[in-house]
């Protein structure tokens, strides 16, 4: 039986995806010049983010990293 390639996700699936994205609100960001930041990784818990930030600081000591709670992130920053 052929599959429908024009399948569009239902509203409940979109809500599930949005909820899943909200679970990973803790992020490690690298501070850039001109008050900009670049999100390096996202985590469910702050302790996981802190541990990864320590790892990054050991690997690249000249860069500045911070842990941020990013509850309203842009779609393009994923």
PDB file of N, CA and C in Angstrom:
ATOM      1  N   UNK A   1       0.841  -1.168   0.000  1.00  0.00           N
ATOM      2  CA  UNK A   1       0.000   0.000   0.000  1.00  0.00           C
ATOM      3  C   UNK A   1       0.893   1.240   0.000  1.00  0.00           C
ATOM      4  N   UNK A   2       0.719   2.168  -0.921  1.00  0.00           N
ATOM      5  CA  UNK A   2       1.563   3.362  -0.984  1.00  0.00           C
ATOM      6  C   UNK A   2       1.297   4.290   0.198  1.00  0.00           C
ATOM      7  N   UNK A   3       2.342   4.970   0.600  1.00  0.00           N
ATOM      8  CA  UNK A   3       2.208   5.893   1.719  1.00  0.00           C
ATOM      9  C   UNK A   3       1.934   7.290   1.205  1.00  0.00           C
ATOM     10  N   UNK A   4       1.233   8.043   1.997  1.00  0.00           N
ATOM     11  CA  UNK A   4       0.921   9.427   1.651  1.00  0.00           C
ATOM     12  C   UNK A   4       2.125  10.291   2.006  1.00  0.00           C
ATOM     13  N   UNK A   5       2.754  10.882   1.006  1.00  0.00           N
ATOM     14  CA  UNK A   5       3.932  11.717   1.251  1.00  0.00           C
ATOM     15  C   UNK A   5       3.555  13.140   1.622  1.00  0.00           C
ATOM     16  N   UNK A   6       2.279  13.487   1.519  1.00  0.00           N
ATOM     17  CA  UNK A   6       1.810  14.825   1.882  1.00  0.00           C
ATOM     18  C   UNK A   6       1.295  14.873   3.313  1.00  0.00           C
ATOM     19  N   UNK A   7       1.769  13.979   4.151  1.00  0.00           N
ATOM     20  CA  UNK A   7       1.305  13.892   5.528  1.00  0.00           C
ATOM     21  C   UNK A   7       1.693  15.143   6.286  1.00  0.00           C
ATOM     22  N   UNK A   8       0.745  15.681   7.023  1.00  0.00           N
ATOM     23  CA  UNK A   8       1.015  16.838   7.874  1.00  0.00           C
ATOM     24  C   UNK A   8       0.714  16.449   9.309  1.00  0.00           C
ATOM     25  N   UNK A   9       1.561  16.877  10.220  1.00  0.00           N
ATOM     26  CA  UNK A   9       1.407  16.513  11.625  1.00  0.00           C
ATOM     27  C   UNK A   9       0.137  17.117  12.195  1.00  0.00           C
ATOM     28  N   UNK A  10      -0.494  16.373  13.049  1.00  0.00           N
ATOM     29  CA  UNK A  10      -1.706  16.867  13.691  1.00  0.00           C
ATOM     30  C   UNK A  10      -1.340  17.865  14.781  1.00  0.00           C
ATOM     31  N   UNK A  11      -2.340  18.552  15.279  1.00  0.00           N
ATOM     32  CA  UNK A  11      -2.130  19.562  16.308  1.00  0.00           C
ATOM     33  C   UNK A  11      -1.565  18.948  17.583  1.00  0.00           C
ATOM     34  N   UNK A  12      -2.018  17.753  17.950  1.00  0.00           N
ATOM     35  CA  UNK A  12      -1.514  17.119  19.170  1.00  0.00           C
ATOM     36  C   UNK A  12      -0.031  16.762  19.041  1.00  0.00           C
ATOM     37  N   UNK A  13       0.410  16.390  17.843  1.00  0.00           N
ATOM     38  CA  UNK A  13       1.840  16.098  17.650  1.00  0.00           C
ATOM     39  C   UNK A  13       2.657  17.377  17.749  1.00  0.00           C
ATOM     40  N   UNK A  14       2.130  18.483  17.241  1.00  0.00           N
ATOM     41  CA  UNK A  14       2.846  19.759  17.358  1.00  0.00           C
ATOM     42  C   UNK A  14       2.976  20.166  18.818  1.00  0.00           C
ATOM     43  N   UNK A  15       1.933  19.924  19.606  1.00  0.00           N
ATOM     44  CA  UNK A  15       1.992  20.244  21.032  1.00  0.00           C
ATOM     45  C   UNK A  15       3.011  19.374  21.742  1.00  0.00           C
ATOM     46  N   UNK A  16       3.109  18.109  21.363  1.00  0.00           N
ATOM     47  CA  UNK A  16       4.090  17.216  21.982  1.00  0.00           C
ATOM     48  C   UNK A  16       5.497  17.671  21.661  1.00  0.00           C
ATOM     49  N   UNK A  17       5.754  18.097  20.435  1.00  0.00           N
ATOM     50  CA  UNK A  17       7.080  18.587  20.060  1.00  0.00           C
ATOM     51  C   UNK A  17       7.412  19.854  20.828  1.00  0.00           C
ATOM     52  N   UNK A  18       6.453  20.766  20.952  1.00  0.00           N
ATOM     53  CA  UNK A  18       6.696  22.001  21.698  1.00  0.00           C
ATOM     54  C   UNK A  18       7.017  21.695  23.156  1.00  0.00           C
ATOM     55  N   UNK A  19       6.311  20.744  23.753  1.00  0.00           N
ATOM     56  CA  UNK A  19       6.584  20.365  25.138  1.00  0.00           C
ATOM     57  C   UNK A  19       7.980  19.766  25.265  1.00  0.00           C
ATOM     58  N   UNK A  20       8.354  18.922  24.333  1.00  0.00           N
ATOM     59  CA  UNK A  20       9.676  18.292  24.368  1.00  0.00           C
ATOM     60  C   UNK A  20      10.780  19.336  24.260  1.00  0.00           C
ATOM     61  N   UNK A  21      10.576  20.363  23.420  1.00  0.00           N
ATOM     62  CA  UNK A  21      11.575  21.417  23.289  1.00  0.00           C
ATOM     63  C   UNK A  21      11.698  22.224  24.574  1.00  0.00           C
ATOM     64  N   UNK A  22      10.597  22.394  25.300  1.00  0.00           N
ATOM     65  CA  UNK A  22      10.640  23.161  26.546  1.00  0.00           C
ATOM     66  C   UNK A  22      11.376  22.414  27.640  1.00  0.00           C
ATOM     67  N   UNK A  23      11.513  21.101  27.523  1.00  0.00           N
ATOM     68  CA  UNK A  23      12.204  20.331  28.552  1.00  0.00           C
ATOM     69  C   UNK A  23      13.687  20.660  28.624  1.00  0.00           C
ATOM     70  N   UNK A  24      14.259  21.087  27.540  1.00  0.00           N
ATOM     71  CA  UNK A  24      15.699  21.367  27.483  1.00  0.00           C
ATOM     72  C   UNK A  24      15.935  22.875  27.535  1.00  0.00           C
ATOM     73  N   UNK A  25      15.572  23.490  28.649  1.00  0.00           N
ATOM     74  CA  UNK A  25      15.648  24.942  28.758  1.00  0.00           C
ATOM     75  C   UNK A  25      16.987  25.447  29.278  1.00  0.00           C
ATOM     76  N   UNK A  26      17.771  24.588  29.902  1.00  0.00           N
ATOM     77  CA  UNK A  26      19.093  25.014  30.368  1.00  0.00           C
ATOM     78  C   UNK A  26      20.073  24.923  29.210  1.00  0.00           C
ATOM     79  N   UNK A  27      20.854  25.968  29.026  1.00  0.00           N
ATOM     80  CA  UNK A  27      21.778  26.004  27.902  1.00  0.00           C
ATOM     81  C   UNK A  27      23.138  26.520  28.343  1.00  0.00           C
ATOM     82  N   UNK A  28      24.168  26.046  27.660  1.00  0.00           N
ATOM     83  CA  UNK A  28      25.517  26.579  27.825  1.00  0.00           C
ATOM     84  C   UNK A  28      25.752  27.492  26.640  1.00  0.00           C
ATOM     85  N   UNK A  29      26.092  28.739  26.946  1.00  0.00           N
ATOM     86  CA  UNK A  29      26.303  29.726  25.895  1.00  0.00           C
ATOM     87  C   UNK A  29      27.733  30.255  25.957  1.00  0.00           C
ATOM     88  N   UNK A  30      28.284  30.501  24.803  1.00  0.00           N
ATOM     89  CA  UNK A  30      29.601  31.127  24.713  1.00  0.00           C
ATOM     90  C   UNK A  30      29.373  32.615  24.473  1.00  0.00           C
ATOM     91  N   UNK A  31      30.023  33.433  25.299  1.00  0.00           N
ATOM     92  CA  UNK A  31      29.874  34.876  25.141  1.00  0.00           C
ATOM     93  C   UNK A  31      30.792  35.366  24.032  1.00  0.00           C
ATOM     94  N   UNK A  32      30.206  36.140  23.132  1.00  0.00           N
ATOM     95  CA  UNK A  32      30.917  36.685  21.988  1.00  0.00           C
ATOM     96  C   UNK A  32      31.031  38.200  22.130  1.00  0.00           C
ATOM     97  N   UNK A  33      31.880  38.826  21.336  1.00  0.00           N
ATOM     98  CA  UNK A  33      31.971  40.289  21.390  1.00  0.00           C
ATOM     99  C   UNK A  33      30.636  40.945  21.042  1.00  0.00           C
ATOM    100  N   UNK A  34      30.498  42.187  21.414  1.00  0.00           N
ATOM    101  CA  UNK A  34      29.309  42.991  21.140  1.00  0.00           C
ATOM    102  C   UNK A  34      28.065  42.440  21.828  1.00  0.00           C
ATOM    103  N   UNK A  35      28.226  41.882  23.024  1.00  0.00           N
ATOM    104  CA  UNK A  35      27.119  41.389  23.851  1.00  0.00           C
ATOM    105  C   UNK A  35      26.272  40.329  23.160  1.00  0.00           C
ATOM    106  N   UNK A  36      26.868  39.524  22.322  1.00  0.00           N
ATOM    107  CA  UNK A  36      26.153  38.431  21.674  1.00  0.00           C
ATOM    108  C   UNK A  36      26.508  37.130  22.376  1.00  0.00           C
ATOM    109  N   UNK A  37      25.672  36.121  22.136  1.00  0.00           N
ATOM    110  CA  UNK A  37      25.944  34.807  22.700  1.00  0.00           C
ATOM    111  C   UNK A  37      25.625  33.740  21.666  1.00  0.00           C
ATOM    112  N   UNK A  38      26.331  32.630  21.794  1.00  0.00           N
ATOM    113  CA  UNK A  38      26.126  31.487  20.905  1.00  0.00           C
ATOM    114  C   UNK A  38      25.805  30.280  21.782  1.00  0.00           C
ATOM    115  N   UNK A  39      24.636  29.678  21.558  1.00  0.00           N
ATOM    116  CA  UNK A  39      24.245  28.511  22.328  1.00  0.00           C
ATOM    117  C   UNK A  39      25.080  27.315  21.861  1.00  0.00           C
ATOM    118  N   UNK A  40      25.783  26.697  22.784  1.00  0.00           N
ATOM    119  CA  UNK A  40      26.642  25.562  22.480  1.00  0.00           C
ATOM    120  C   UNK A  40      25.873  24.250  22.625  1.00  0.00           C
ATOM    121  N   UNK A  41      25.117  24.103  23.724  1.00  0.00           N
ATOM    122  CA  UNK A  41      24.383  22.864  23.983  1.00  0.00           C
ATOM    123  C   UNK A  41      23.217  23.159  24.914  1.00  0.00           C
ATOM    124  N   UNK A  42      22.204  22.270  24.877  1.00  0.00           N
ATOM    125  CA  UNK A  42      21.021  22.401  25.738  1.00  0.00           C
ATOM    126  C   UNK A  42      20.884  21.160  26.621  1.00  0.00           C
ATOM    127  N   UNK A  43      20.348  21.386  27.829  1.00  0.00           N
ATOM    128  CA  UNK A  43      20.235  20.312  28.812  1.00  0.00           C
ATOM    129  C   UNK A  43      18.917  20.409  29.555  1.00  0.00           C
ATOM    130  N   UNK A  44      18.510  19.282  30.145  1.00  0.00           N
ATOM    131  CA  UNK A  44      17.301  19.247  30.962  1.00  0.00           C
ATOM    132  C   UNK A  44      17.541  19.792  32.356  1.00  0.00           C
ATOM    133  N   UNK A  45      18.721  19.574  32.892  1.00  0.00           N
ATOM    134  CA  UNK A  45      18.983  20.014  34.264  1.00  0.00           C
ATOM    135  C   UNK A  45      20.161  20.983  34.302  1.00  0.00           C
ATOM    136  N   UNK A  46      20.133  21.823  35.315  1.00  0.00           N
ATOM    137  CA  UNK A  46      21.208  22.799  35.471  1.00  0.00           C
ATOM    138  C   UNK A  46      22.525  22.107  35.806  1.00  0.00           C
ATOM    139  N   UNK A  47      22.468  21.047  36.583  1.00  0.00           N
ATOM    140  CA  UNK A  47      23.710  20.366  36.967  1.00  0.00           C
ATOM    141  C   UNK A  47      24.401  19.755  35.750  1.00  0.00           C
ATOM    142  N   UNK A  48      23.632  19.237  34.799  1.00  0.00           N
ATOM    143  CA  UNK A  48      24.234  18.727  33.564  1.00  0.00           C
ATOM    144  C   UNK A  48      24.899  19.860  32.784  1.00  0.00           C
ATOM    145  N   UNK A  49      24.237  20.998  32.733  1.00  0.00           N
ATOM    146  CA  UNK A  49      24.797  22.152  32.024  1.00  0.00           C
ATOM    147  C   UNK A  49      26.067  22.651  32.708  1.00  0.00           C
ATOM    148  N   UNK A  50      26.061  22.690  34.037  1.00  0.00           N
ATOM    149  CA  UNK A  50      27.256  23.113  34.774  1.00  0.00           C
ATOM    150  C   UNK A  50      28.431  22.174  34.525  1.00  0.00           C
ATOM    151  N   UNK A  51      28.171  20.875  34.516  1.00  0.00           N
ATOM    152  CA  UNK A  51      29.235  19.903  34.262  1.00  0.00           C
ATOM    153  C   UNK A  51      29.825  20.049  32.879  1.00  0.00           C
ATOM    154  N   UNK A  52      28.966  20.265  31.891  1.00  0.00           N
ATOM    155  CA  UNK A  52      29.469  20.433  30.526  1.00  0.00           C
ATOM    156  C   UNK A  52      30.237  21.741  30.382  1.00  0.00           C
ATOM    157  N   UNK A  53      29.794  22.784  31.100  1.00  0.00           N
ATOM    158  CA  UNK A  53      30.504  24.058  31.046  1.00  0.00           C
ATOM    159  C   UNK A  53      31.912  23.902  31.646  1.00  0.00           C
ATOM    160  N   UNK A  54      32.049  23.134  32.710  1.00  0.00           N
ATOM    161  CA  UNK A  54      33.375  22.885  33.280  1.00  0.00           C
ATOM    162  C   UNK A  54      34.272  22.176  32.275  1.00  0.00           C
ATOM    163  N   UNK A  55      33.704  21.215  31.570  1.00  0.00           N
ATOM    164  CA  UNK A  55      34.460  20.503  30.538  1.00  0.00           C
ATOM    165  C   UNK A  55      34.926  21.476  29.446  1.00  0.00           C
ATOM    166  N   UNK A  56      34.031  22.350  29.005  1.00  0.00           N
ATOM    167  CA  UNK A  56      34.398  23.315  27.964  1.00  0.00           C
ATOM    168  C   UNK A  56      35.476  24.276  28.448  1.00  0.00           C
ATOM    169  N   UNK A  57      35.388  24.694  29.698  1.00  0.00           N
ATOM    170  CA  UNK A  57      36.396  25.621  30.245  1.00  0.00           C
ATOM    171  C   UNK A  57      37.771  24.967  30.320  1.00  0.00           C
ATOM    172  N   UNK A  58      37.821  23.665  30.559  1.00  0.00           N
ATOM    173  CA  UNK A  58      39.101  22.966  30.583  1.00  0.00           C
ATOM    174  C   UNK A  58      39.684  22.827  29.182  1.00  0.00           C
ATOM    175  N   UNK A  59      38.822  22.599  28.204  1.00  0.00           N
ATOM    176  CA  UNK A  59      39.296  22.425  26.823  1.00  0.00           C
ATOM    177  C   UNK A  59      39.675  23.732  26.155  1.00  0.00           C
ATOM    178  N   UNK A  60      38.918  24.792  26.425  1.00  0.00           N
ATOM    179  CA  UNK A  60      39.203  26.104  25.824  1.00  0.00           C
ATOM    180  C   UNK A  60      39.174  27.167  26.919  1.00  0.00           C
ATOM    181  N   UNK A  61      40.273  27.327  27.643  1.00  0.00           N
ATOM    182  CA  UNK A  61      40.286  28.257  28.787  1.00  0.00           C
ATOM    183  C   UNK A  61      40.186  29.733  28.393  1.00  0.00           C
ATOM    184  N   UNK A  62      40.456  30.078  27.148  1.00  0.00           N
ATOM    185  CA  UNK A  62      40.403  31.478  26.739  1.00  0.00           C
ATOM    186  C   UNK A  62      39.002  31.955  26.408  1.00  0.00           C
ATOM    187  N   UNK A  63      38.051  31.054  26.253  1.00  0.00           N
ATOM    188  CA  UNK A  63      36.672  31.423  25.933  1.00  0.00           C
ATOM    189  C   UNK A  63      35.866  31.597  27.223  1.00  0.00           C
ATOM    190  N   UNK A  64      34.804  32.379  27.133  1.00  0.00           N
ATOM    191  CA  UNK A  64      33.934  32.620  28.282  1.00  0.00           C
ATOM    192  C   UNK A  64      32.597  31.932  28.048  1.00  0.00           C
ATOM    193  N   UNK A  65      32.212  31.076  28.994  1.00  0.00           N
ATOM    194  CA  UNK A  65      30.957  30.325  28.906  1.00  0.00           C
ATOM    195  C   UNK A  65      30.088  30.652  30.104  1.00  0.00           C
ATOM    196  N   UNK A  66      28.773  30.622  29.903  1.00  0.00           N
ATOM    197  CA  UNK A  66      27.818  30.816  30.986  1.00  0.00           C
ATOM    198  C   UNK A  66      26.679  29.821  30.814  1.00  0.00           C
ATOM    199  N   UNK A  67      26.039  29.491  31.934  1.00  0.00           N
ATOM    200  CA  UNK A  67      24.830  28.669  31.903  1.00  0.00           C
ATOM    201  C   UNK A  67      23.650  29.617  31.965  1.00  0.00           C
ATOM    202  N   UNK A  68      22.703  29.449  31.051  1.00  0.00           N
ATOM    203  CA  UNK A  68      21.533  30.323  30.993  1.00  0.00           C
ATOM    204  C   UNK A  68      20.267  29.475  30.990  1.00  0.00           C
ATOM    205  N   UNK A  69      19.189  30.040  31.522  1.00  0.00           N
ATOM    206  CA  UNK A  69      17.870  29.427  31.427  1.00  0.00           C
ATOM    207  C   UNK A  69      17.165  30.128  30.283  1.00  0.00           C
ATOM    208  N   UNK A  70      16.947  29.410  29.200  1.00  0.00           N
ATOM    209  CA  UNK A  70      16.449  29.994  27.961  1.00  0.00           C
ATOM    210  C   UNK A  70      15.035  29.487  27.701  1.00  0.00           C
ATOM    211  N   UNK A  71      14.037  30.101  28.357  1.00  0.00           N
ATOM    212  CA  UNK A  71      12.671  29.596  28.231  1.00  0.00           C
ATOM    213  C   UNK A  71      11.956  30.114  26.987  1.00  0.00           C
ATOM    214  N   UNK A  72      12.382  31.220  26.414  1.00  0.00           N
ATOM    215  CA  UNK A  72      11.749  31.762  25.213  1.00  0.00           C
ATOM    216  C   UNK A  72      12.789  31.932  24.121  1.00  0.00           C
ATOM    217  N   UNK A  73      13.233  30.822  23.590  1.00  0.00           N
ATOM    218  CA  UNK A  73      14.272  30.884  22.568  1.00  0.00           C
ATOM    219  C   UNK A  73      13.654  31.049  21.188  1.00  0.00           C
ATOM    220  N   UNK A  74      14.459  31.569  20.290  1.00  0.00           N
ATOM    221  CA  UNK A  74      14.023  31.747  18.902  1.00  0.00           C
ATOM    222  C   UNK A  74      14.008  30.399  18.194  1.00  0.00           C
ATOM    223  N   UNK A  75      13.184  30.276  17.184  1.00  0.00           N
ATOM    224  CA  UNK A  75      13.127  29.038  16.402  1.00  0.00           C
ATOM    225  C   UNK A  75      14.426  28.798  15.654  1.00  0.00           C
ATOM    226  N   UNK A  76      15.133  29.865  15.264  1.00  0.00           N
ATOM    227  CA  UNK A  76      16.342  29.734  14.465  1.00  0.00           C
ATOM    228  C   UNK A  76      17.544  29.322  15.303  1.00  0.00           C
ATOM    229  N   UNK A  77      17.440  29.342  16.615  1.00  0.00           N
ATOM    230  CA  UNK A  77      18.582  29.057  17.473  1.00  0.00           C
ATOM    231  C   UNK A  77      18.655  27.591  17.862  1.00  0.00           C
ATOM    232  N   UNK A  78      17.873  26.770  17.317  1.00  0.00           N
ATOM    233  CA  UNK A  78      17.843  25.358  17.687  1.00  0.00           C
ATOM    234  C   UNK A  78      19.026  24.630  17.211  1.00  0.00           C
TER     235      UNK A  78
END
